[in-house]
Amino acid sequence: MTEPSTPGVGDPVVVLEALPDGSLSMNQVEALEDGDAIDLVGPLVIDKHTDRVTHLNIVIGDTHYYVGWNPTNEQWEQILVVVETEQEDDESVLESAISVVDEETEELVLGFDPDSNPDTEEMVEFVWEYVEYTYPETERLYNVMDDAIDELSANGG
């Protein structure tokens, strides 16, 4: 399902070969969820011009795989993997996160502390920052995650 590919500098990018090339239609997203292996598929970002999903949260058991279509490299990439814990505070444990390193300075541009336990807002912010890094025209993208955060805040979560 996955295959590491190495960009010029930085950590390897995990490429998801099981997903079809390109952004997905809502029918394709629903079909992913119809199988037995995946518990939930949630669209995170939608291209407003094409009504196609460019980024997803794929949930298998207690693990969330945040993935996105990278139009420049023409591949689905694993952005974050977070495992939910059953502790009182509903803490999430970061299993892996993509890193972006500036090719010239070799400084970390985008990354997560591997020992962190990110909350929902931190994960949403990280995924969106990666979207901005990989997607040429973010103004045409609808960030579903922002509405979800707003709804959680309104409901006291």
N, C-alpha and C. Protein backbone atom coordinates (compact mmCIF):
# COMPACT_ATOMS: atom_id res chain seq x y z
N MET A 1 0.82 -1.19 0.00
CA MET A 1 0.00 0.00 0.00
C MET A 1 0.86 1.25 0.00
N THR A 2 1.97 1.21 0.72
CA THR A 2 2.80 2.40 0.79
C THR A 2 4.19 2.10 0.28
N GLU A 3 4.85 3.15 -0.17
CA GLU A 3 6.22 3.03 -0.64
C GLU A 3 6.94 4.34 -0.35
N PRO A 4 8.09 4.26 0.36
CA PRO A 4 8.81 5.51 0.63
C PRO A 4 9.47 6.04 -0.63
N SER A 5 9.41 7.35 -0.80
CA SER A 5 10.16 7.99 -1.87
C SER A 5 10.93 9.11 -1.22
N THR A 6 12.09 9.39 -1.71
CA THR A 6 12.93 10.38 -1.05
C THR A 6 12.99 11.66 -1.86
N PRO A 7 12.54 12.78 -1.26
CA PRO A 7 12.69 14.06 -1.93
C PRO A 7 14.15 14.48 -1.86
N GLY A 8 14.47 15.64 -2.41
CA GLY A 8 15.85 16.10 -2.43
C GLY A 8 16.52 16.09 -1.07
N VAL A 9 15.86 16.60 -0.07
CA VAL A 9 16.40 16.67 1.28
C VAL A 9 15.26 16.38 2.24
N GLY A 10 15.55 15.79 3.40
CA GLY A 10 14.52 15.59 4.41
C GLY A 10 14.14 14.14 4.56
N ASP A 11 13.14 13.90 5.40
CA ASP A 11 12.67 12.54 5.66
C ASP A 11 11.97 11.98 4.43
N PRO A 12 12.00 10.66 4.29
CA PRO A 12 11.30 10.06 3.15
C PRO A 12 9.81 10.35 3.21
N VAL A 13 9.23 10.52 2.05
CA VAL A 13 7.79 10.70 1.93
C VAL A 13 7.19 9.32 1.72
N VAL A 14 6.14 9.02 2.49
CA VAL A 14 5.45 7.74 2.30
C VAL A 14 4.37 7.96 1.24
N VAL A 15 4.50 7.23 0.14
CA VAL A 15 3.58 7.34 -0.98
C VAL A 15 2.54 6.23 -0.87
N LEU A 16 1.27 6.60 -1.04
CA LEU A 16 0.18 5.63 -0.97
C LEU A 16 -0.21 5.21 -2.38
N GLU A 17 0.15 4.00 -2.72
CA GLU A 17 -0.13 3.53 -4.08
C GLU A 17 -1.50 2.88 -4.23
N ALA A 18 -2.18 2.61 -3.10
CA ALA A 18 -3.48 1.95 -3.17
C ALA A 18 -4.59 2.89 -3.60
N LEU A 19 -4.35 4.19 -3.51
CA LEU A 19 -5.36 5.16 -3.94
C LEU A 19 -5.17 5.48 -5.41
N PRO A 20 -6.29 5.74 -6.11
CA PRO A 20 -6.16 6.10 -7.53
C PRO A 20 -5.47 7.44 -7.70
N ASP A 21 -4.80 7.63 -8.83
CA ASP A 21 -4.11 8.89 -9.10
C ASP A 21 -5.12 10.03 -9.16
N GLY A 22 -4.71 11.15 -8.62
CA GLY A 22 -5.53 12.35 -8.67
C GLY A 22 -6.46 12.48 -7.49
N SER A 23 -7.08 13.64 -7.39
CA SER A 23 -8.06 13.86 -6.32
C SER A 23 -9.24 12.91 -6.54
N LEU A 24 -10.04 12.73 -5.49
CA LEU A 24 -11.11 11.73 -5.54
C LEU A 24 -12.50 12.36 -5.60
N SER A 25 -13.40 11.70 -6.31
CA SER A 25 -14.80 12.12 -6.29
C SER A 25 -15.41 11.64 -4.97
N MET A 26 -16.53 12.21 -4.57
CA MET A 26 -17.20 11.76 -3.34
C MET A 26 -17.60 10.29 -3.45
N ASN A 27 -17.95 9.83 -4.66
CA ASN A 27 -18.29 8.41 -4.83
C ASN A 27 -17.08 7.54 -4.54
N GLN A 28 -15.89 7.96 -4.95
CA GLN A 28 -14.68 7.20 -4.67
C GLN A 28 -14.38 7.19 -3.17
N VAL A 29 -14.60 8.33 -2.51
CA VAL A 29 -14.39 8.40 -1.06
C VAL A 29 -15.34 7.44 -0.35
N GLU A 30 -16.61 7.45 -0.75
CA GLU A 30 -17.60 6.55 -0.14
C GLU A 30 -17.26 5.09 -0.40
N ALA A 31 -16.75 4.79 -1.59
CA ALA A 31 -16.37 3.41 -1.93
C ALA A 31 -15.22 2.92 -1.04
N LEU A 32 -14.30 3.80 -0.69
CA LEU A 32 -13.21 3.43 0.21
C LEU A 32 -13.76 2.97 1.56
N GLU A 33 -14.77 3.66 2.03
CA GLU A 33 -15.34 3.35 3.33
C GLU A 33 -16.20 2.09 3.31
N ASP A 34 -16.68 1.70 2.14
CA ASP A 34 -17.55 0.53 2.01
C ASP A 34 -16.82 -0.78 2.27
N GLY A 35 -15.50 -0.79 2.13
CA GLY A 35 -14.73 -2.02 2.36
C GLY A 35 -14.65 -2.34 3.85
N ASP A 36 -14.16 -3.53 4.15
CA ASP A 36 -14.06 -3.97 5.54
C ASP A 36 -12.84 -3.44 6.26
N ALA A 37 -11.80 -3.06 5.54
CA ALA A 37 -10.52 -2.68 6.15
C ALA A 37 -10.53 -1.28 6.77
N ILE A 38 -11.34 -0.39 6.22
CA ILE A 38 -11.33 1.01 6.66
C ILE A 38 -12.60 1.31 7.44
N ASP A 39 -12.43 1.91 8.63
CA ASP A 39 -13.58 2.23 9.47
C ASP A 39 -14.26 3.53 9.08
N LEU A 40 -13.46 4.53 8.68
CA LEU A 40 -14.00 5.84 8.37
C LEU A 40 -13.09 6.55 7.39
N VAL A 41 -13.69 7.28 6.45
CA VAL A 41 -12.93 8.13 5.54
C VAL A 41 -13.58 9.51 5.60
N GLY A 42 -12.81 10.49 6.04
CA GLY A 42 -13.34 11.84 6.16
C GLY A 42 -12.60 12.80 5.26
N PRO A 43 -13.32 13.47 4.36
CA PRO A 43 -12.68 14.49 3.53
C PRO A 43 -12.17 15.63 4.42
N LEU A 44 -10.95 16.09 4.16
CA LEU A 44 -10.35 17.20 4.90
C LEU A 44 -10.28 18.46 4.07
N VAL A 45 -10.02 18.30 2.77
CA VAL A 45 -9.89 19.43 1.86
C VAL A 45 -10.55 19.05 0.53
N ILE A 46 -11.32 20.00 -0.01
CA ILE A 46 -12.04 19.77 -1.27
C ILE A 46 -11.70 20.90 -2.23
N ASP A 47 -11.40 20.55 -3.47
CA ASP A 47 -11.17 21.53 -4.52
C ASP A 47 -12.53 22.09 -4.94
N LYS A 48 -12.76 23.38 -4.71
CA LYS A 48 -14.06 24.01 -4.98
C LYS A 48 -14.39 24.05 -6.47
N HIS A 49 -13.38 24.06 -7.33
CA HIS A 49 -13.63 24.14 -8.77
C HIS A 49 -14.03 22.79 -9.36
N THR A 50 -13.56 21.71 -8.76
CA THR A 50 -13.84 20.38 -9.32
C THR A 50 -14.72 19.52 -8.41
N ASP A 51 -14.99 19.98 -7.19
CA ASP A 51 -15.72 19.21 -6.18
C ASP A 51 -15.07 17.86 -5.90
N ARG A 52 -13.75 17.83 -5.96
CA ARG A 52 -13.02 16.58 -5.70
C ARG A 52 -12.21 16.73 -4.41
N VAL A 53 -12.07 15.62 -3.71
CA VAL A 53 -11.38 15.59 -2.42
C VAL A 53 -9.88 15.45 -2.66
N THR A 54 -9.11 16.35 -2.05
CA THR A 54 -7.66 16.33 -2.23
C THR A 54 -6.92 15.79 -1.00
N HIS A 55 -7.58 15.81 0.16
CA HIS A 55 -6.96 15.35 1.40
C HIS A 55 -7.99 14.62 2.24
N LEU A 56 -7.55 13.55 2.90
CA LEU A 56 -8.45 12.66 3.64
C LEU A 56 -7.91 12.30 5.01
N ASN A 57 -8.82 11.95 5.90
CA ASN A 57 -8.48 11.29 7.15
C ASN A 57 -9.03 9.87 7.01
N ILE A 58 -8.13 8.90 6.95
CA ILE A 58 -8.53 7.49 6.83
C ILE A 58 -8.33 6.85 8.21
N VAL A 59 -9.41 6.32 8.78
CA VAL A 59 -9.34 5.75 10.13
C VAL A 59 -9.46 4.23 10.04
N ILE A 60 -8.47 3.57 10.63
CA ILE A 60 -8.46 2.11 10.72
C ILE A 60 -8.20 1.79 12.19
N GLY A 61 -9.22 1.27 12.86
CA GLY A 61 -9.10 1.01 14.29
C GLY A 61 -8.95 2.31 15.04
N ASP A 62 -7.91 2.42 15.85
CA ASP A 62 -7.68 3.65 16.60
C ASP A 62 -6.62 4.55 15.95
N THR A 63 -6.30 4.26 14.69
CA THR A 63 -5.25 5.00 13.99
C THR A 63 -5.84 5.87 12.87
N HIS A 64 -5.41 7.14 12.87
CA HIS A 64 -5.83 8.09 11.84
C HIS A 64 -4.66 8.32 10.89
N TYR A 65 -4.92 8.12 9.61
CA TYR A 65 -3.93 8.37 8.56
C TYR A 65 -4.39 9.61 7.81
N TYR A 66 -3.68 10.71 7.97
CA TYR A 66 -3.98 11.95 7.27
C TYR A 66 -3.17 11.93 5.98
N VAL A 67 -3.86 11.90 4.85
CA VAL A 67 -3.18 11.76 3.56
C VAL A 67 -3.63 12.87 2.61
N GLY A 68 -2.78 13.17 1.62
CA GLY A 68 -3.13 14.21 0.66
C GLY A 68 -2.54 13.96 -0.71
N TRP A 69 -3.24 14.47 -1.70
CA TRP A 69 -2.77 14.40 -3.08
C TRP A 69 -1.78 15.55 -3.29
N ASN A 70 -0.58 15.21 -3.72
CA ASN A 70 0.44 16.21 -4.03
C ASN A 70 0.42 16.39 -5.55
N PRO A 71 -0.14 17.51 -6.05
CA PRO A 71 -0.27 17.69 -7.50
C PRO A 71 1.07 17.89 -8.20
N THR A 72 2.07 18.39 -7.50
CA THR A 72 3.37 18.60 -8.11
C THR A 72 4.06 17.27 -8.39
N ASN A 73 4.06 16.40 -7.39
CA ASN A 73 4.70 15.08 -7.54
C ASN A 73 3.73 14.02 -8.07
N GLU A 74 2.46 14.40 -8.23
CA GLU A 74 1.42 13.51 -8.72
C GLU A 74 1.38 12.19 -7.95
N GLN A 75 1.21 12.33 -6.61
CA GLN A 75 1.14 11.14 -5.77
C GLN A 75 0.39 11.46 -4.48
N TRP A 76 -0.23 10.42 -3.90
CA TRP A 76 -0.85 10.51 -2.59
C TRP A 76 0.25 10.33 -1.56
N GLU A 77 0.28 11.23 -0.56
CA GLU A 77 1.32 11.18 0.46
C GLU A 77 0.70 11.10 1.85
N GLN A 78 1.36 10.34 2.70
CA GLN A 78 0.96 10.25 4.10
C GLN A 78 1.54 11.46 4.83
N ILE A 79 0.67 12.27 5.42
CA ILE A 79 1.09 13.50 6.08
C ILE A 79 1.32 13.26 7.57
N LEU A 80 0.36 12.64 8.21
CA LEU A 80 0.41 12.36 9.64
C LEU A 80 -0.18 11.00 9.92
N VAL A 81 0.34 10.33 10.94
CA VAL A 81 -0.30 9.14 11.48
C VAL A 81 -0.40 9.36 12.98
N VAL A 82 -1.64 9.33 13.48
CA VAL A 82 -1.90 9.61 14.89
C VAL A 82 -2.75 8.47 15.45
N VAL A 83 -2.38 8.01 16.64
CA VAL A 83 -3.11 6.93 17.31
C VAL A 83 -3.85 7.52 18.50
N GLU A 84 -5.15 7.23 18.57
CA GLU A 84 -5.96 7.68 19.71
C GLU A 84 -5.65 6.79 20.90
N THR A 85 -5.60 7.39 22.07
CA THR A 85 -5.41 6.61 23.29
C THR A 85 -6.73 6.57 24.05
N GLU A 86 -6.83 5.64 24.97
CA GLU A 86 -8.06 5.52 25.76
C GLU A 86 -7.89 6.12 27.15
N GLN A 87 -7.02 7.12 27.24
CA GLN A 87 -6.82 7.81 28.50
C GLN A 87 -7.93 8.82 28.73
N GLU A 88 -8.03 9.30 29.96
CA GLU A 88 -9.08 10.25 30.33
C GLU A 88 -9.11 11.49 29.46
N ASP A 89 -7.93 11.99 29.11
CA ASP A 89 -7.86 13.24 28.38
C ASP A 89 -7.95 13.08 26.86
N ASP A 90 -8.31 11.88 26.39
CA ASP A 90 -8.43 11.61 24.95
C ASP A 90 -7.20 12.06 24.18
N GLU A 91 -6.05 11.81 24.75
CA GLU A 91 -4.78 12.21 24.14
C GLU A 91 -4.51 11.40 22.88
N SER A 92 -3.91 12.03 21.91
CA SER A 92 -3.48 11.35 20.70
C SER A 92 -1.96 11.24 20.71
N VAL A 93 -1.46 10.14 20.21
CA VAL A 93 -0.02 9.93 20.15
C VAL A 93 0.42 9.99 18.69
N LEU A 94 1.39 10.84 18.41
CA LEU A 94 1.92 10.99 17.07
C LEU A 94 2.80 9.78 16.74
N GLU A 95 2.42 9.06 15.69
CA GLU A 95 3.22 7.92 15.26
C GLU A 95 4.23 8.33 14.19
N SER A 96 3.80 9.19 13.26
CA SER A 96 4.73 9.70 12.25
C SER A 96 4.16 10.98 11.64
N ALA A 97 5.05 11.80 11.14
CA ALA A 97 4.67 13.05 10.48
C ALA A 97 5.70 13.35 9.40
N ILE A 98 5.20 13.84 8.29
CA ILE A 98 6.07 14.20 7.19
C ILE A 98 6.91 15.42 7.61
N SER A 99 8.12 15.50 7.13
CA SER A 99 8.99 16.65 7.39
C SER A 99 9.33 17.32 6.07
N VAL A 100 9.37 18.64 6.11
CA VAL A 100 9.77 19.41 4.93
C VAL A 100 11.01 20.19 5.31
N VAL A 101 12.08 20.00 4.52
CA VAL A 101 13.35 20.67 4.77
C VAL A 101 13.67 21.56 3.57
N ASP A 102 14.08 22.80 3.85
CA ASP A 102 14.48 23.72 2.80
C ASP A 102 15.70 23.15 2.09
N GLU A 103 15.62 23.01 0.77
CA GLU A 103 16.71 22.40 0.00
C GLU A 103 18.01 23.20 0.06
N GLU A 104 17.90 24.52 0.15
CA GLU A 104 19.11 25.36 0.17
C GLU A 104 19.74 25.44 1.56
N THR A 105 18.92 25.73 2.57
CA THR A 105 19.46 25.94 3.91
C THR A 105 19.51 24.65 4.73
N GLU A 106 18.77 23.63 4.28
CA GLU A 106 18.62 22.35 4.98
C GLU A 106 18.01 22.53 6.37
N GLU A 107 17.25 23.61 6.55
CA GLU A 107 16.54 23.86 7.79
C GLU A 107 15.13 23.28 7.68
N LEU A 108 14.62 22.82 8.82
CA LEU A 108 13.27 22.29 8.88
C LEU A 108 12.27 23.41 8.65
N VAL A 109 11.43 23.25 7.63
CA VAL A 109 10.40 24.23 7.30
C VAL A 109 9.08 23.84 7.95
N LEU A 110 8.81 22.54 7.97
CA LEU A 110 7.56 22.02 8.51
C LEU A 110 7.84 20.67 9.13
N GLY A 111 7.42 20.50 10.36
CA GLY A 111 7.63 19.22 11.02
C GLY A 111 6.99 19.22 12.39
N PHE A 112 6.86 18.04 12.96
CA PHE A 112 6.29 17.86 14.28
C PHE A 112 7.36 17.26 15.19
N ASP A 113 7.37 17.65 16.43
CA ASP A 113 8.23 17.01 17.42
C ASP A 113 7.76 15.57 17.54
N PRO A 114 8.66 14.59 17.28
CA PRO A 114 8.24 13.20 17.29
C PRO A 114 7.73 12.70 18.64
N ASP A 115 8.04 13.41 19.71
CA ASP A 115 7.58 13.02 21.04
C ASP A 115 6.31 13.75 21.47
N SER A 116 5.70 14.49 20.55
CA SER A 116 4.53 15.28 20.93
C SER A 116 3.25 14.44 20.91
N ASN A 117 2.28 14.93 21.64
CA ASN A 117 0.94 14.36 21.64
C ASN A 117 0.00 15.47 21.18
N PRO A 118 -0.12 15.65 19.87
CA PRO A 118 -0.84 16.81 19.34
C PRO A 118 -2.33 16.76 19.62
N ASP A 119 -2.91 17.95 19.86
CA ASP A 119 -4.36 18.01 19.97
C ASP A 119 -4.93 18.21 18.56
N THR A 120 -6.23 18.19 18.47
CA THR A 120 -6.89 18.26 17.16
C THR A 120 -6.51 19.52 16.40
N GLU A 121 -6.50 20.65 17.08
CA GLU A 121 -6.18 21.91 16.40
C GLU A 121 -4.75 21.91 15.86
N GLU A 122 -3.80 21.33 16.59
CA GLU A 122 -2.43 21.26 16.12
C GLU A 122 -2.32 20.37 14.88
N MET A 123 -3.07 19.27 14.88
CA MET A 123 -3.05 18.37 13.71
C MET A 123 -3.64 19.06 12.49
N VAL A 124 -4.76 19.76 12.69
CA VAL A 124 -5.41 20.49 11.59
C VAL A 124 -4.48 21.55 11.03
N GLU A 125 -3.83 22.29 11.92
CA GLU A 125 -2.90 23.33 11.48
C GLU A 125 -1.73 22.73 10.69
N PHE A 126 -1.20 21.61 11.16
CA PHE A 126 -0.08 20.97 10.49
C PHE A 126 -0.48 20.47 9.10
N VAL A 127 -1.64 19.82 9.01
CA VAL A 127 -2.10 19.33 7.71
C VAL A 127 -2.29 20.49 6.75
N TRP A 128 -2.91 21.59 7.22
CA TRP A 128 -3.13 22.73 6.32
C TRP A 128 -1.81 23.36 5.89
N GLU A 129 -0.84 23.44 6.78
CA GLU A 129 0.47 23.98 6.40
C GLU A 129 1.10 23.12 5.30
N TYR A 130 0.91 21.81 5.39
CA TYR A 130 1.44 20.94 4.34
C TYR A 130 0.67 21.14 3.04
N VAL A 131 -0.64 21.34 3.14
CA VAL A 131 -1.44 21.64 1.95
C VAL A 131 -0.89 22.89 1.28
N GLU A 132 -0.64 23.94 2.06
CA GLU A 132 -0.10 25.18 1.50
C GLU A 132 1.27 24.97 0.88
N TYR A 133 2.05 24.07 1.43
CA TYR A 133 3.39 23.79 0.89
C TYR A 133 3.31 23.05 -0.44
N THR A 134 2.35 22.14 -0.58
CA THR A 134 2.30 21.28 -1.77
C THR A 134 1.32 21.72 -2.84
N TYR A 135 0.33 22.51 -2.46
CA TYR A 135 -0.72 22.85 -3.42
C TYR A 135 -0.50 24.23 -3.99
N PRO A 136 -0.46 24.37 -5.32
CA PRO A 136 -0.15 25.67 -5.93
C PRO A 136 -1.22 26.73 -5.74
N GLU A 137 -2.49 26.33 -5.65
CA GLU A 137 -3.58 27.31 -5.58
C GLU A 137 -4.51 26.99 -4.42
N THR A 138 -4.11 27.36 -3.19
CA THR A 138 -4.94 27.04 -2.03
C THR A 138 -6.24 27.83 -1.99
N GLU A 139 -6.30 28.96 -2.70
CA GLU A 139 -7.54 29.75 -2.67
C GLU A 139 -8.70 29.00 -3.33
N ARG A 140 -8.43 27.98 -4.10
CA ARG A 140 -9.51 27.21 -4.71
C ARG A 140 -9.89 26.00 -3.86
N LEU A 141 -9.25 25.87 -2.70
CA LEU A 141 -9.50 24.73 -1.83
C LEU A 141 -10.42 25.12 -0.67
N TYR A 142 -11.34 24.22 -0.35
CA TYR A 142 -12.22 24.39 0.81
C TYR A 142 -11.66 23.54 1.94
N ASN A 143 -11.30 24.19 3.04
CA ASN A 143 -10.71 23.52 4.19
C ASN A 143 -11.83 23.04 5.11
N VAL A 144 -12.25 21.79 4.94
CA VAL A 144 -13.31 21.19 5.74
C VAL A 144 -12.92 21.19 7.22
N MET A 145 -11.63 21.07 7.49
CA MET A 145 -11.13 20.97 8.86
C MET A 145 -11.47 22.22 9.66
N ASP A 146 -11.43 23.40 9.05
CA ASP A 146 -11.75 24.64 9.76
C ASP A 146 -13.19 24.62 10.28
N ASP A 147 -14.12 24.16 9.45
CA ASP A 147 -15.52 24.08 9.87
C ASP A 147 -15.68 23.08 11.01
N ALA A 148 -14.94 21.96 10.93
CA ALA A 148 -15.03 20.96 11.99
C ALA A 148 -14.52 21.51 13.31
N ILE A 149 -13.42 22.26 13.29
CA ILE A 149 -12.86 22.88 14.49
C ILE A 149 -13.86 23.90 15.05
N ASP A 150 -14.45 24.73 14.17
CA ASP A 150 -15.43 25.70 14.61
C ASP A 150 -16.63 25.03 15.29
N GLU A 151 -17.08 23.92 14.71
CA GLU A 151 -18.20 23.18 15.27
C GLU A 151 -17.85 22.59 16.63
N LEU A 152 -16.63 22.03 16.74
CA LEU A 152 -16.18 21.49 18.03
C LEU A 152 -16.12 22.59 19.09
N SER A 153 -15.61 23.74 18.70
CA SER A 153 -15.51 24.87 19.64
C SER A 153 -16.89 25.35 20.08
N ALA A 154 -17.81 25.41 19.14
CA ALA A 154 -19.17 25.86 19.45
C ALA A 154 -19.88 24.88 20.40
N ASN A 155 -19.51 23.59 20.29
CA ASN A 155 -20.14 22.57 21.13
C ASN A 155 -19.37 22.34 22.43
N GLY A 156 -18.38 23.20 22.69
CA GLY A 156 -17.63 23.09 23.92
C GLY A 156 -16.54 22.04 23.91
N GLY A 157 -16.15 21.54 22.70
CA GLY A 157 -15.14 20.48 22.61
C GLY A 157 -13.85 20.97 22.24
